Amino acid sequence: MKKNYFLHFALKYRIFYKLYLFYNLYVRNLKYYSKKSYSQFEEDLFLKKYFKNKKNGFFVDIGCHHPFRGNNTYLLYKSGWSGVNIDLNQLSIDLFNVARPRDKNICTAISNKDGFIKYYLPNNNPLSTEITIEEKFSKVLGDHHGNEYKTFKTKSMNWSSFEKEYKDFFKEIDFFKIDIEGADLKVLKSIDLNKLKVKLIMIEASDLNGNDRKETISYLKSNNFSILLDNNLNLICENGNFI
């Protein structure tokens, strides 16, 4: 298993940690910084068009990962939006605090329960996009991408507890995104969609995780959401109750 010696050195000698953050923001990812789209498959261009008349919108991003590389809210942020970014990885949150100070950036796992849970880190890489809290899905990803996973523990909150603790930051949500590598549907089902005042939901729903894709589509439709975009990885759905 490869070790991230540079990160371990930077954490041991904190004076170098800011340099490490700068490297991961601007040097390592320089080619991403000025692109017209920051999403993996240009989903953010769809969002920008959908919200073209919304100047100061509000988003919630569960599984935010990186402030702009492969990020679905950075284009909205550049347009004047702000929101809440959530990730179980403290390094990711530290990057957000540097690059996106207008947002509220929170380090915690979101699952269907409160307390401490296990999470699975591939190849000892804290900036991997394939960190998951689902053991079965870590094995799927391991087989699919050849990753070797190591187990750690982290703090977890369900959505209800999270919303209560950070209620001062919340208002009506324009865009709500869930991308947490295999636990997406489980978390979606733990949220009361009848009470969630949101216009659009984006959720990862791939075929890698068994029947989750079909179940996600069925569950959203049963809660009066209509699918506006489906690229076989992500769904963007409109809430019929709050359009």
Foldseek 3Di string as FASTA:
>chain_A
DDAPVVVVVCVVVVVCVVVVLCCVAPVVCVVQPPDPAQAPVRVLVVVCVVCVVPQEAEEEAALQQACGHNGNCNVVVVSHYEYEYEEQQVSRQVSCCVVPVRYHYYHFHEALAWDKAKKKDWPNDSSDSAIARDPVLVVLCCVVPVTDIDIDMTGYHQPVVVCVVPVVRDDQHAEYEDDHRQRFQRNVVSDDPVPRRYFKYKYFAAPSRPCRNVVVQVVCVVQQWDWPDDPRTMTITGHPVHD
